[in-house]
Every structure is written in structure tokens, then in C-alpha cells.
PDB file of N, CA and C in Angstrom:
ATOM      1  N   MET A   1       6.802 -12.549  14.740  1.00  0.00           N
ATOM      2  CA  MET A   1       5.507 -12.214  14.163  1.00  0.00           C
ATOM      3  C   MET A   1       5.544 -10.781  13.642  1.00  0.00           C
ATOM      4  N   VAL A   2       4.965 -10.582  12.505  1.00  0.00           N
ATOM      5  CA  VAL A   2       4.935  -9.268  11.876  1.00  0.00           C
ATOM      6  C   VAL A   2       3.723  -8.496  12.380  1.00  0.00           C
ATOM      7  N   ASP A   3       3.955  -7.266  12.799  1.00  0.00           N
ATOM      8  CA  ASP A   3       2.869  -6.418  13.278  1.00  0.00           C
ATOM      9  C   ASP A   3       2.242  -5.678  12.090  1.00  0.00           C
ATOM     10  N   HIS A   4       0.944  -5.825  11.926  1.00  0.00           N
ATOM     11  CA  HIS A   4       0.215  -5.213  10.819  1.00  0.00           C
ATOM     12  C   HIS A   4       0.435  -3.700  10.764  1.00  0.00           C
ATOM     13  N   ASP A   5       0.266  -3.027  11.897  1.00  0.00           N
ATOM     14  CA  ASP A   5       0.374  -1.565  11.915  1.00  0.00           C
ATOM     15  C   ASP A   5       1.787  -1.080  11.594  1.00  0.00           C
ATOM     16  N   GLU A   6       2.794  -1.794  12.100  1.00  0.00           N
ATOM     17  CA  GLU A   6       4.181  -1.419  11.802  1.00  0.00           C
ATOM     18  C   GLU A   6       4.483  -1.608  10.321  1.00  0.00           C
ATOM     19  N   LEU A   7       4.001  -2.701   9.740  1.00  0.00           N
ATOM     20  CA  LEU A   7       4.214  -2.951   8.324  1.00  0.00           C
ATOM     21  C   LEU A   7       3.527  -1.872   7.490  1.00  0.00           C
ATOM     22  N   GLU A   8       2.305  -1.529   7.848  1.00  0.00           N
ATOM     23  CA  GLU A   8       1.578  -0.495   7.096  1.00  0.00           C
ATOM     24  C   GLU A   8       2.294   0.847   7.183  1.00  0.00           C
ATOM     25  N   ALA A   9       2.800   1.197   8.351  1.00  0.00           N
ATOM     26  CA  ALA A   9       3.540   2.453   8.507  1.00  0.00           C
ATOM     27  C   ALA A   9       4.813   2.440   7.667  1.00  0.00           C
ATOM     28  N   SER A  10       5.467   1.308   7.618  1.00  0.00           N
ATOM     29  CA  SER A  10       6.687   1.180   6.825  1.00  0.00           C
ATOM     30  C   SER A  10       6.394   1.330   5.330  1.00  0.00           C
ATOM     31  N   ILE A  11       5.345   0.686   4.869  1.00  0.00           N
ATOM     32  CA  ILE A  11       4.957   0.788   3.460  1.00  0.00           C
ATOM     33  C   ILE A  11       4.549   2.224   3.132  1.00  0.00           C
ATOM     34  N   ALA A  12       3.791   2.855   3.998  1.00  0.00           N
ATOM     35  CA  ALA A  12       3.384   4.247   3.773  1.00  0.00           C
ATOM     36  C   ALA A  12       4.603   5.155   3.670  1.00  0.00           C
ATOM     37  N   ALA A  13       5.612   4.909   4.473  1.00  0.00           N
ATOM     38  CA  ALA A  13       6.835   5.726   4.417  1.00  0.00           C
ATOM     39  C   ALA A  13       7.543   5.545   3.076  1.00  0.00           C
ATOM     40  N   VAL A  14       7.576   4.318   2.581  1.00  0.00           N
ATOM     41  CA  VAL A  14       8.168   4.071   1.264  1.00  0.00           C
ATOM     42  C   VAL A  14       7.363   4.797   0.191  1.00  0.00           C
ATOM     43  N   TYR A  15       6.040   4.708   0.273  1.00  0.00           N
ATOM     44  CA  TYR A  15       5.191   5.370  -0.713  1.00  0.00           C
ATOM     45  C   TYR A  15       5.397   6.884  -0.691  1.00  0.00           C
ATOM     46  N   ARG A  16       5.471   7.467   0.509  1.00  0.00           N
ATOM     47  CA  ARG A  16       5.699   8.914   0.604  1.00  0.00           C
ATOM     48  C   ARG A  16       6.999   9.309  -0.076  1.00  0.00           C
ATOM     49  N   ALA A  17       8.001   8.470   0.061  1.00  0.00           N
ATOM     50  CA  ALA A  17       9.315   8.778  -0.498  1.00  0.00           C
ATOM     51  C   ALA A  17       9.409   8.488  -1.995  1.00  0.00           C
ATOM     52  N   GLN A  18       8.673   7.482  -2.483  1.00  0.00           N
ATOM     53  CA  GLN A  18       8.905   7.014  -3.847  1.00  0.00           C
ATOM     54  C   GLN A  18       7.815   7.321  -4.861  1.00  0.00           C
ATOM     55  N   LEU A  19       6.595   7.541  -4.425  1.00  0.00           N
ATOM     56  CA  LEU A  19       5.518   7.737  -5.400  1.00  0.00           C
ATOM     57  C   LEU A  19       5.612   9.102  -6.064  1.00  0.00           C
ATOM     58  N   ASP A  20       5.306   9.091  -7.330  1.00  0.00           N
ATOM     59  CA  ASP A  20       5.339  10.327  -8.120  1.00  0.00           C
ATOM     60  C   ASP A  20       3.938  10.943  -8.135  1.00  0.00           C
ATOM     61  N   ILE A  21       3.533  11.463  -6.976  1.00  0.00           N
ATOM     62  CA  ILE A  21       2.227  12.093  -6.843  1.00  0.00           C
ATOM     63  C   ILE A  21       2.385  13.566  -7.236  1.00  0.00           C
ATOM     64  N   PRO A  22       1.480  14.068  -8.086  1.00  0.00           N
ATOM     65  CA  PRO A  22       1.600  15.468  -8.507  1.00  0.00           C
ATOM     66  C   PRO A  22       1.646  16.418  -7.311  1.00  0.00           C
ATOM     67  N   PRO A  23       2.524  17.406  -7.377  1.00  0.00           N
ATOM     68  CA  PRO A  23       2.688  18.332  -6.247  1.00  0.00           C
ATOM     69  C   PRO A  23       1.462  19.205  -5.983  1.00  0.00           C
ATOM     70  N   TRP A  24       0.569  19.304  -6.947  1.00  0.00           N
ATOM     71  CA  TRP A  24      -0.604  20.162  -6.760  1.00  0.00           C
ATOM     72  C   TRP A  24      -1.729  19.464  -5.989  1.00  0.00           C
ATOM     73  N   TRP A  25      -1.567  18.168  -5.695  1.00  0.00           N
ATOM     74  CA  TRP A  25      -2.587  17.491  -4.902  1.00  0.00           C
ATOM     75  C   TRP A  25      -2.655  18.128  -3.521  1.00  0.00           C
ATOM     76  N   PRO A  26      -3.855  18.358  -3.014  1.00  0.00           N
ATOM     77  CA  PRO A  26      -3.970  18.838  -1.633  1.00  0.00           C
ATOM     78  C   PRO A  26      -3.369  17.810  -0.662  1.00  0.00           C
ATOM     79  N   ALA A  27      -2.793  18.303   0.413  1.00  0.00           N
ATOM     80  CA  ALA A  27      -2.109  17.435   1.375  1.00  0.00           C
ATOM     81  C   ALA A  27      -3.018  16.330   1.906  1.00  0.00           C
ATOM     82  N   GLU A  28      -4.287  16.663   2.191  1.00  0.00           N
ATOM     83  CA  GLU A  28      -5.181  15.642   2.744  1.00  0.00           C
ATOM     84  C   GLU A  28      -5.497  14.553   1.716  1.00  0.00           C
ATOM     85  N   ASP A  29      -5.582  14.908   0.432  1.00  0.00           N
ATOM     86  CA  ASP A  29      -5.817  13.905  -0.612  1.00  0.00           C
ATOM     87  C   ASP A  29      -4.583  13.026  -0.807  1.00  0.00           C
ATOM     88  N   ARG A  30      -3.415  13.644  -0.742  1.00  0.00           N
ATOM     89  CA  ARG A  30      -2.165  12.901  -0.845  1.00  0.00           C
ATOM     90  C   ARG A  30      -2.077  11.874   0.292  1.00  0.00           C
ATOM     91  N   GLN A  31      -2.349  12.325   1.517  1.00  0.00           N
ATOM     92  CA  GLN A  31      -2.256  11.434   2.673  1.00  0.00           C
ATOM     93  C   GLN A  31      -3.297  10.320   2.601  1.00  0.00           C
ATOM     94  N   ARG A  32      -4.517  10.663   2.202  1.00  0.00           N
ATOM     95  CA  ARG A  32      -5.582   9.662   2.075  1.00  0.00           C
ATOM     96  C   ARG A  32      -5.200   8.600   1.043  1.00  0.00           C
ATOM     97  N   PHE A  33      -4.648   9.038  -0.076  1.00  0.00           N
ATOM     98  CA  PHE A  33      -4.243   8.122  -1.139  1.00  0.00           C
ATOM     99  C   PHE A  33      -3.137   7.185  -0.647  1.00  0.00           C
ATOM    100  N   ILE A  34      -2.117   7.750  -0.010  1.00  0.00           N
ATOM    101  CA  ILE A  34      -1.010   6.941   0.500  1.00  0.00           C
ATOM    102  C   ILE A  34      -1.515   5.950   1.536  1.00  0.00           C
ATOM    103  N   ASP A  35      -2.370   6.404   2.444  1.00  0.00           N
ATOM    104  CA  ASP A  35      -2.914   5.513   3.471  1.00  0.00           C
ATOM    105  C   ASP A  35      -3.704   4.360   2.854  1.00  0.00           C
ATOM    106  N   GLU A  36      -4.522   4.678   1.854  1.00  0.00           N
ATOM    107  CA  GLU A  36      -5.329   3.649   1.202  1.00  0.00           C
ATOM    108  C   GLU A  36      -4.453   2.634   0.471  1.00  0.00           C
ATOM    109  N   MET A  37      -3.480   3.123  -0.285  1.00  0.00           N
ATOM    110  CA  MET A  37      -2.597   2.222  -1.032  1.00  0.00           C
ATOM    111  C   MET A  37      -1.730   1.384  -0.083  1.00  0.00           C
ATOM    112  N   ALA A  38      -1.247   2.002   0.986  1.00  0.00           N
ATOM    113  CA  ALA A  38      -0.431   1.266   1.961  1.00  0.00           C
ATOM    114  C   ALA A  38      -1.280   0.213   2.668  1.00  0.00           C
ATOM    115  N   GLY A  39      -2.528   0.538   2.948  1.00  0.00           N
ATOM    116  CA  GLY A  39      -3.426  -0.435   3.569  1.00  0.00           C
ATOM    117  C   GLY A  39      -3.653  -1.640   2.676  1.00  0.00           C
ATOM    118  N   GLN A  40      -3.851  -1.385   1.388  1.00  0.00           N
ATOM    119  CA  GLN A  40      -4.050  -2.488   0.447  1.00  0.00           C
ATOM    120  C   GLN A  40      -2.793  -3.341   0.334  1.00  0.00           C
ATOM    121  N   ALA A  41      -1.630  -2.689   0.251  1.00  0.00           N
ATOM    122  CA  ALA A  41      -0.375  -3.424   0.149  1.00  0.00           C
ATOM    123  C   ALA A  41      -0.122  -4.242   1.409  1.00  0.00           C
ATOM    124  N   THR A  42      -0.472  -3.688   2.560  1.00  0.00           N
ATOM    125  CA  THR A  42      -0.274  -4.407   3.824  1.00  0.00           C
ATOM    126  C   THR A  42      -1.149  -5.652   3.875  1.00  0.00           C
ATOM    127  N   CYS A  43      -2.399  -5.527   3.489  1.00  0.00           N
ATOM    128  CA  CYS A  43      -3.291  -6.698   3.475  1.00  0.00           C
ATOM    129  C   CYS A  43      -2.734  -7.780   2.558  1.00  0.00           C
ATOM    130  N   SER A  44      -2.252  -7.371   1.409  1.00  0.00           N
ATOM    131  CA  SER A  44      -1.670  -8.322   0.467  1.00  0.00           C
ATOM    132  C   SER A  44      -0.432  -8.990   1.064  1.00  0.00           C
ATOM    133  N   ALA A  45       0.430  -8.197   1.674  1.00  0.00           N
ATOM    134  CA  ALA A  45       1.651  -8.746   2.270  1.00  0.00           C
ATOM    135  C   ALA A  45       1.334  -9.688   3.426  1.00  0.00           C
ATOM    136  N   MET A  46       0.379  -9.318   4.262  1.00  0.00           N
ATOM    137  CA  MET A  46       0.016 -10.179   5.394  1.00  0.00           C
ATOM    138  C   MET A  46      -0.522 -11.520   4.894  1.00  0.00           C
ATOM    139  N   THR A  47      -1.292 -11.489   3.811  1.00  0.00           N
ATOM    140  CA  THR A  47      -1.790 -12.726   3.216  1.00  0.00           C
ATOM    141  C   THR A  47      -0.624 -13.570   2.707  1.00  0.00           C
ATOM    142  N   GLU A  48       0.328 -12.919   2.043  1.00  0.00           N
ATOM    143  CA  GLU A  48       1.495 -13.651   1.546  1.00  0.00           C
ATOM    144  C   GLU A  48       2.319 -14.235   2.694  1.00  0.00           C
ATOM    145  N   LEU A  49       2.442 -13.485   3.789  1.00  0.00           N
ATOM    146  CA  LEU A  49       3.174 -13.999   4.948  1.00  0.00           C
ATOM    147  C   LEU A  49       2.496 -15.250   5.511  1.00  0.00           C
ATOM    148  N   ASP A  50       1.170 -15.212   5.599  1.00  0.00           N
ATOM    149  CA  ASP A  50       0.430 -16.392   6.059  1.00  0.00           C
ATOM    150  C   ASP A  50       0.602 -17.562   5.093  1.00  0.00           C
ATOM    151  N   ASP A  51       0.568 -17.248   3.793  1.00  0.00           N
ATOM    152  CA  ASP A  51       0.725 -18.296   2.780  1.00  0.00           C
ATOM    153  C   ASP A  51       2.082 -18.991   2.905  1.00  0.00           C
ATOM    154  N   ILE A  52       3.113 -18.225   3.258  1.00  0.00           N
ATOM    155  CA  ILE A  52       4.442 -18.816   3.457  1.00  0.00           C
ATOM    156  C   ILE A  52       4.387 -19.856   4.567  1.00  0.00           C
ATOM    157  N   VAL A  53       3.747 -19.502   5.667  1.00  0.00           N
ATOM    158  CA  VAL A  53       3.642 -20.429   6.801  1.00  0.00           C
ATOM    159  C   VAL A  53       2.929 -21.712   6.369  1.00  0.00           C
ATOM    160  N   TYR A  54       1.775 -21.557   5.720  1.00  0.00           N
ATOM    161  CA  TYR A  54       1.000 -22.737   5.323  1.00  0.00           C
ATOM    162  C   TYR A  54       1.769 -23.603   4.327  1.00  0.00           C
ATOM    163  N   ARG A  55       2.434 -22.959   3.358  1.00  0.00           N
ATOM    164  CA  ARG A  55       3.166 -23.705   2.340  1.00  0.00           C
ATOM    165  C   ARG A  55       4.311 -24.496   2.950  1.00  0.00           C
ATOM    166  N   ILE A  56       5.082 -23.858   3.812  1.00  0.00           N
ATOM    167  CA  ILE A  56       6.226 -24.545   4.413  1.00  0.00           C
ATOM    168  C   ILE A  56       5.759 -25.690   5.307  1.00  0.00           C
ATOM    169  N   ILE A  57       4.719 -25.471   6.066  1.00  0.00           N
ATOM    170  CA  ILE A  57       4.204 -26.543   6.942  1.00  0.00           C
ATOM    171  C   ILE A  57       3.654 -27.695   6.108  1.00  0.00           C
ATOM    172  N   ASP A  58       2.914 -27.361   5.025  1.00  0.00           N
ATOM    173  CA  ASP A  58       2.346 -28.407   4.172  1.00  0.00           C
ATOM    174  C   ASP A  58       3.428 -29.232   3.479  1.00  0.00           C
ATOM    175  N   GLN A  59       4.557 -28.587   3.143  1.00  0.00           N
ATOM    176  CA  GLN A  59       5.628 -29.281   2.428  1.00  0.00           C
ATOM    177  C   GLN A  59       6.668 -29.901   3.363  1.00  0.00           C
ATOM    178  N   ALA A  60       6.501 -29.721   4.640  1.00  0.00           N
ATOM    179  CA  ALA A  60       7.498 -30.192   5.605  1.00  0.00           C
ATOM    180  C   ALA A  60       7.537 -31.710   5.690  1.00  0.00           C
ATOM    181  N   ASP A  61       8.707 -32.180   5.903  1.00  0.00           N
ATOM    182  CA  ASP A  61       8.925 -33.595   6.195  1.00  0.00           C
ATOM    183  C   ASP A  61       8.465 -33.836   7.635  1.00  0.00           C
ATOM    184  N   PRO A  62       7.728 -34.889   7.884  1.00  0.00           N
ATOM    185  CA  PRO A  62       7.242 -35.143   9.248  1.00  0.00           C
ATOM    186  C   PRO A  62       8.355 -35.248  10.288  1.00  0.00           C
ATOM    187  N   THR A  63       9.570 -35.519   9.836  1.00  0.00           N
ATOM    188  CA  THR A  63      10.675 -35.646  10.788  1.00  0.00           C
ATOM    189  C   THR A  63      11.347 -34.309  11.094  1.00  0.00           C
ATOM    190  N   GLN A  64      10.958 -33.251  10.357  1.00  0.00           N
ATOM    191  CA  GLN A  64      11.554 -31.930  10.615  1.00  0.00           C
ATOM    192  C   GLN A  64      11.115 -31.428  11.975  1.00  0.00           C
ATOM    193  N   ASN A  65      12.061 -30.826  12.683  1.00  0.00           N
ATOM    194  CA  ASN A  65      11.690 -30.302  13.995  1.00  0.00           C
ATOM    195  C   ASN A  65      11.143 -28.875  13.861  1.00  0.00           C
ATOM    196  N   ALA A  66      10.510 -28.418  14.898  1.00  0.00           N
ATOM    197  CA  ALA A  66       9.842 -27.107  14.890  1.00  0.00           C
ATOM    198  C   ALA A  66      10.828 -25.963  14.669  1.00  0.00           C
ATOM    199  N   ASP A  67      12.035 -26.089  15.204  1.00  0.00           N
ATOM    200  CA  ASP A  67      13.040 -25.019  15.032  1.00  0.00           C
ATOM    201  C   ASP A  67      13.434 -24.861  13.570  1.00  0.00           C
ATOM    202  N   ASP A  68      13.584 -25.981  12.851  1.00  0.00           N
ATOM    203  CA  ASP A  68      13.925 -25.919  11.429  1.00  0.00           C
ATOM    204  C   ASP A  68      12.788 -25.289  10.624  1.00  0.00           C
ATOM    205  N   LEU A  69      11.555 -25.662  10.949  1.00  0.00           N
ATOM    206  CA  LEU A  69      10.401 -25.071  10.261  1.00  0.00           C
ATOM    207  C   LEU A  69      10.325 -23.570  10.536  1.00  0.00           C
ATOM    208  N   ALA A  70      10.505 -23.190  11.785  1.00  0.00           N
ATOM    209  CA  ALA A  70      10.452 -21.767  12.146  1.00  0.00           C
ATOM    210  C   ALA A  70      11.537 -20.984  11.423  1.00  0.00           C
ATOM    211  N   ALA A  71      12.722 -21.560  11.316  1.00  0.00           N
ATOM    212  CA  ALA A  71      13.824 -20.883  10.619  1.00  0.00           C
ATOM    213  C   ALA A  71      13.508 -20.716   9.136  1.00  0.00           C
ATOM    214  N   ALA A  72      12.941 -21.746   8.516  1.00  0.00           N
ATOM    215  CA  ALA A  72      12.585 -21.662   7.088  1.00  0.00           C
ATOM    216  C   ALA A  72      11.503 -20.615   6.865  1.00  0.00           C
ATOM    217  N   ILE A  73      10.520 -20.588   7.741  1.00  0.00           N
ATOM    218  CA  ILE A  73       9.433 -19.604   7.639  1.00  0.00           C
ATOM    219  C   ILE A  73       9.992 -18.198   7.801  1.00  0.00           C
ATOM    220  N   THR A  74      10.816 -18.008   8.815  1.00  0.00           N
ATOM    221  CA  THR A  74      11.387 -16.685   9.086  1.00  0.00           C
ATOM    222  C   THR A  74      12.230 -16.204   7.912  1.00  0.00           C
ATOM    223  N   THR A  75      13.031 -17.075   7.342  1.00  0.00           N
ATOM    224  CA  THR A  75      13.878 -16.698   6.203  1.00  0.00           C
ATOM    225  C   THR A  75      13.032 -16.220   5.030  1.00  0.00           C
ATOM    226  N   GLU A  76      12.025 -16.986   4.658  1.00  0.00           N
ATOM    227  CA  GLU A  76      11.172 -16.591   3.528  1.00  0.00           C
ATOM    228  C   GLU A  76      10.378 -15.328   3.825  1.00  0.00           C
ATOM    229  N   GLN A  77       9.925 -15.173   5.046  1.00  0.00           N
ATOM    230  CA  GLN A  77       9.179 -13.968   5.398  1.00  0.00           C
ATOM    231  C   GLN A  77      10.074 -12.737   5.361  1.00  0.00           C
ATOM    232  N   HIS A  78      11.329 -12.870   5.777  1.00  0.00           N
ATOM    233  CA  HIS A  78      12.250 -11.733   5.708  1.00  0.00           C
ATOM    234  C   HIS A  78      12.506 -11.300   4.265  1.00  0.00           C
ATOM    235  N   VAL A  79      12.599 -12.267   3.365  1.00  0.00           N
ATOM    236  CA  VAL A  79      12.774 -11.937   1.945  1.00  0.00           C
ATOM    237  C   VAL A  79      11.560 -11.156   1.441  1.00  0.00           C
ATOM    238  N   LEU A  80      10.375 -11.648   1.769  1.00  0.00           N
ATOM    239  CA  LEU A  80       9.151 -10.961   1.354  1.00  0.00           C
ATOM    240  C   LEU A  80       9.100  -9.545   1.929  1.00  0.00           C
ATOM    241  N   LEU A  81       9.367  -9.408   3.216  1.00  0.00           N
ATOM    242  CA  LEU A  81       9.306  -8.088   3.854  1.00  0.00           C
ATOM    243  C   LEU A  81      10.340  -7.126   3.288  1.00  0.00           C
ATOM    244  N   SER A  82      11.496  -7.631   2.938  1.00  0.00           N
ATOM    245  CA  SER A  82      12.517  -6.793   2.316  1.00  0.00           C
ATOM    246  C   SER A  82      11.998  -6.237   0.992  1.00  0.00           C
ATOM    247  N   ASP A  83      11.361  -7.090   0.219  1.00  0.00           N
ATOM    248  CA  ASP A  83      10.785  -6.647  -1.051  1.00  0.00           C
ATOM    249  C   ASP A  83       9.662  -5.638  -0.838  1.00  0.00           C
ATOM    250  N   VAL A  84       8.805  -5.910   0.148  1.00  0.00           N
ATOM    251  CA  VAL A  84       7.667  -5.022   0.427  1.00  0.00           C
ATOM    252  C   VAL A  84       8.147  -3.641   0.832  1.00  0.00           C
ATOM    253  N   ARG A  85       9.167  -3.578   1.666  1.00  0.00           N
ATOM    254  CA  ARG A  85       9.628  -2.293   2.195  1.00  0.00           C
ATOM    255  C   ARG A  85      10.435  -1.483   1.200  1.00  0.00           C
ATOM    256  N   THR A  86      10.959  -2.109   0.167  1.00  0.00           N
ATOM    257  CA  THR A  86      11.821  -1.374  -0.755  1.00  0.00           C
ATOM    258  C   THR A  86      11.230  -1.194  -2.147  1.00  0.00           C
ATOM    259  N   THR A  87      10.074  -1.732  -2.395  1.00  0.00           N
ATOM    260  CA  THR A  87       9.459  -1.590  -3.710  1.00  0.00           C
ATOM    261  C   THR A  87       8.000  -1.220  -3.561  1.00  0.00           C
ATOM    262  N   VAL A  88       7.458  -0.678  -4.600  1.00  0.00           N
ATOM    263  CA  VAL A  88       6.026  -0.411  -4.657  1.00  0.00           C
ATOM    264  C   VAL A  88       5.385  -1.679  -5.195  1.00  0.00           C
ATOM    265  N   LEU A  89       4.488  -2.289  -4.411  1.00  0.00           N
ATOM    266  CA  LEU A  89       3.933  -3.588  -4.773  1.00  0.00           C
ATOM    267  C   LEU A  89       3.024  -3.533  -5.991  1.00  0.00           C
ATOM    268  N   TYR A  90       2.349  -2.442  -6.160  1.00  0.00           N
ATOM    269  CA  TYR A  90       1.378  -2.349  -7.239  1.00  0.00           C
ATOM    270  C   TYR A  90       1.821  -1.302  -8.245  1.00  0.00           C
ATOM    271  N   ASP A  91       1.375  -1.480  -9.456  1.00  0.00           N
ATOM    272  CA  ASP A  91       1.566  -0.418 -10.424  1.00  0.00           C
ATOM    273  C   ASP A  91       0.447   0.577 -10.146  1.00  0.00           C
ATOM    274  N   ILE A  92       0.765   1.590  -9.355  1.00  0.00           N
ATOM    275  CA  ILE A  92      -0.289   2.509  -8.942  1.00  0.00           C
ATOM    276  C   ILE A  92      -0.289   3.809  -9.734  1.00  0.00           C
ATOM    277  N   ALA A  93       0.473   3.825 -10.830  1.00  0.00           N
ATOM    278  CA  ALA A  93       0.456   5.010 -11.693  1.00  0.00           C
ATOM    279  C   ALA A  93      -0.960   5.279 -12.198  1.00  0.00           C
ATOM    280  N   GLU A  94      -1.700   4.227 -12.522  1.00  0.00           N
ATOM    281  CA  GLU A  94      -3.074   4.383 -13.002  1.00  0.00           C
ATOM    282  C   GLU A  94      -3.967   4.957 -11.900  1.00  0.00           C
ATOM    283  N   ALA A  95      -3.774   4.494 -10.674  1.00  0.00           N
ATOM    284  CA  ALA A  95      -4.565   5.014  -9.558  1.00  0.00           C
ATOM    285  C   ALA A  95      -4.249   6.491  -9.313  1.00  0.00           C
ATOM    286  N   ILE A  96      -2.985   6.867  -9.473  1.00  0.00           N
ATOM    287  CA  ILE A  96      -2.608   8.278  -9.329  1.00  0.00           C
ATOM    288  C   ILE A  96      -3.279   9.101 -10.424  1.00  0.00           C
ATOM    289  N   ALA A  97      -3.264   8.592 -11.652  1.00  0.00           N
ATOM    290  CA  ALA A  97      -3.897   9.304 -12.769  1.00  0.00           C
ATOM    291  C   ALA A  97      -5.406   9.437 -12.558  1.00  0.00           C
ATOM    292  N   GLU A  98      -6.044   8.376 -12.084  1.00  0.00           N
ATOM    293  CA  GLU A  98      -7.488   8.427 -11.835  1.00  0.00           C
ATOM    294  C   GLU A  98      -7.827   9.424 -10.729  1.00  0.00           C
ATOM    295  N   THR A  99      -7.037   9.431  -9.675  1.00  0.00           N
ATOM    296  CA  THR A  99      -7.273  10.372  -8.580  1.00  0.00           C
ATOM    297  C   THR A  99      -7.026  11.797  -9.045  1.00  0.00           C
ATOM    298  N   SER A 100      -5.998  12.000  -9.855  1.00  0.00           N
ATOM    299  CA  SER A 100      -5.726  13.332 -10.405  1.00  0.00           C
ATOM    300  C   SER A 100      -6.911  13.824 -11.232  1.00  0.00           C
ATOM    301  N   ALA A 101      -7.455  12.947 -12.071  1.00  0.00           N
ATOM    302  CA  ALA A 101      -8.607  13.316 -12.897  1.00  0.00           C
ATOM    303  C   ALA A 101      -9.809  13.663 -12.022  1.00  0.00           C
ATOM    304  N   ALA A 102     -10.025  12.901 -10.964  1.00  0.00           N
ATOM    305  CA  ALA A 102     -11.143  13.184 -10.057  1.00  0.00           C
ATOM    306  C   ALA A 102     -10.949  14.512  -9.344  1.00  0.00           C
ATOM    307  N   LEU A 103      -9.731  14.797  -8.919  1.00  0.00           N
ATOM    308  CA  LEU A 103      -9.458  16.080  -8.251  1.00  0.00           C
ATOM    309  C   LEU A 103      -9.673  17.254  -9.201  1.00  0.00           C
ATOM    310  N   ILE A 104      -9.258  17.085 -10.453  1.00  0.00           N
ATOM    311  CA  ILE A 104      -9.458  18.135 -11.456  1.00  0.00           C
ATOM    312  C   ILE A 104     -10.949  18.338 -11.711  1.00  0.00           C
ATOM    313  N   ALA A 105     -11.695  17.225 -11.827  1.00  0.00           N
ATOM    314  CA  ALA A 105     -13.141  17.321 -12.050  1.00  0.00           C
ATOM    315  C   ALA A 105     -13.827  18.002 -10.873  1.00  0.00           C
ATOM    316  N   ASP A 106     -13.421  17.641  -9.646  1.00  0.00           N
ATOM    317  CA  ASP A 106     -13.997  18.274  -8.460  1.00  0.00           C
ATOM    318  C   ASP A 106     -13.706  19.766  -8.436  1.00  0.00           C
ATOM    319  N   ALA A 107     -12.478  20.134  -8.789  1.00  0.00           N
ATOM    320  CA  ALA A 107     -12.106  21.551  -8.808  1.00  0.00           C
ATOM    321  C   ALA A 107     -12.899  22.288  -9.879  1.00  0.00           C
ATOM    322  N   GLY A 108     -13.076  21.666 -11.044  1.00  0.00           N
ATOM    323  CA  GLY A 108     -13.852  22.287 -12.118  1.00  0.00           C
ATOM    324  C   GLY A 108     -15.305  22.460 -11.734  1.00  0.00           C
ATOM    325  N   SER A 109     -15.861  21.469 -11.073  1.00  0.00           N
ATOM    326  CA  SER A 109     -17.241  21.537 -10.615  1.00  0.00           C
ATOM    327  C   SER A 109     -17.412  22.645  -9.577  1.00  0.00           C
ATOM    328  N   ALA A 110     -16.476  22.721  -8.652  1.00  0.00           N
ATOM    329  CA  ALA A 110     -16.544  23.769  -7.624  1.00  0.00           C
ATOM    330  C   ALA A 110     -16.402  25.150  -8.255  1.00  0.00           C
ATOM    331  N   LEU A 111     -15.532  25.263  -9.242  1.00  0.00           N
ATOM    332  CA  LEU A 111     -15.343  26.541  -9.927  1.00  0.00           C
ATOM    333  C   LEU A 111     -16.606  26.928 -10.698  1.00  0.00           C
ATOM    334  N   ALA A 112     -17.227  25.966 -11.389  1.00  0.00           N
ATOM    335  CA  ALA A 112     -18.454  26.244 -12.134  1.00  0.00           C
ATOM    336  C   ALA A 112     -19.573  26.656 -11.186  1.00  0.00           C
ATOM    337  N   HIS A 113     -19.673  25.998 -10.057  1.00  0.00           N
ATOM    338  CA  HIS A 113     -20.694  26.338  -9.071  1.00  0.00           C
ATOM    339  C   HIS A 113     -20.462  27.750  -8.525  1.00  0.00           C
ATOM    340  N   ALA A 114     -19.222  28.053  -8.204  1.00  0.00           N
ATOM    341  CA  ALA A 114     -18.893  29.387  -7.676  1.00  0.00           C
ATOM    342  C   ALA A 114     -19.145  30.452  -8.723  1.00  0.00           C
ATOM    343  N   SER A 115     -18.825  30.146  -9.977  1.00  0.00           N
ATOM    344  CA  SER A 115     -19.008  31.093 -11.066  1.00  0.00           C
ATOM    345  C   SER A 115     -20.491  31.365 -11.295  1.00  0.00           C
ATOM    346  N   SER A 116     -21.320  30.321 -11.258  1.00  0.00           N
ATOM    347  CA  SER A 116     -22.760  30.524 -11.472  1.00  0.00           C
ATOM    348  C   SER A 116     -23.372  31.271 -10.276  1.00  0.00           C
ATOM    349  N   ALA A 117     -22.883  30.988  -9.075  1.00  0.00           N
ATOM    350  CA  ALA A 117     -23.381  31.712  -7.897  1.00  0.00           C
ATOM    351  C   ALA A 117     -22.999  33.183  -7.984  1.00  0.00           C
ATOM    352  N   TRP A 118     -21.801  33.461  -8.459  1.00  0.00           N
ATOM    353  CA  TRP A 118     -21.334  34.840  -8.584  1.00  0.00           C
ATOM    354  C   TRP A 118     -22.131  35.568  -9.671  1.00  0.00           C
ATOM    355  N   ALA A 119     -22.398  34.863 -10.802  1.00  0.00           N
ATOM    356  CA  ALA A 119     -23.128  35.471 -11.898  1.00  0.00           C
ATOM    357  C   ALA A 119     -24.586  35.793 -11.513  1.00  0.00           C
ATOM    358  N   SER A 120     -25.177  34.984 -10.667  1.00  0.00           N
ATOM    359  CA  SER A 120     -26.573  35.200 -10.298  1.00  0.00           C
ATOM    360  C   SER A 120     -26.741  36.216  -9.174  1.00  0.00           C
ATOM    361  N   SER A 121     -25.623  36.668  -8.610  1.00  0.00           N
ATOM    362  CA  SER A 121     -25.781  37.640  -7.524  1.00  0.00           C
ATOM    363  C   SER A 121     -25.680  39.059  -7.999  1.00  0.00           C
TER     364      SER A 121
END
């Protein structure tokens, strides 16, 4: 059985190593983004893992024994997990760009607020 938390930690580690997140992002925003994306990927992977079980059981020959079914399920799940751990499941370049734009807008807003406060004092 695949542990949700272990899978999410594994995906987050891949994301930390492979994502092209701008270096100017604050550390807490970087971590929040990675955690959110890894959480989404984990939910997707867990659904796919369940789908493998249902598909193999639905397609099974009634004469197949439980050990053969378990072996088929395990084999397909290992293939899926190998892909999940070594690739980025989503094209998240757009999400990185959107977050970058939001961070820039927040910084600009904070700067404008500070500038107007300084000017009025």
C-alpha cells in the first residue's frame, strides 16, 4: 500500500530539485508553492493508483487467483510511482508565472503604500 504522506514528500523533493522557480521568490512562498503543487500531484497519483486496482479487478478472469491479481496491481502501480517520482506531472510553468506576477504585484503594492506613507509624513 502506498502511503499518501510519503508519496507527497517524495514528489515535493522532486519539485524542489527540478522546478525552475525564480531565485528571488521568498523562501516561504517557494515552500508554499511546492507544497501545494505536490499535494495536487499526490491526490492525482492516489486516484490513479486506485483506478489501477479497480481496472485490474474489473478486467480479471474469474479463475485468476488473488496472488496473480495482486502481482498485476503491484506491477502497474510501481510503473506509475516511478513516473510520478521522476517527472513533473503537470505543466506548472504557467502556475510559476502566475505566482511570480502575484508576488511582483504584492511587492509593488507594498512599495506604493510605503512610499505614500513616507510622503505624507
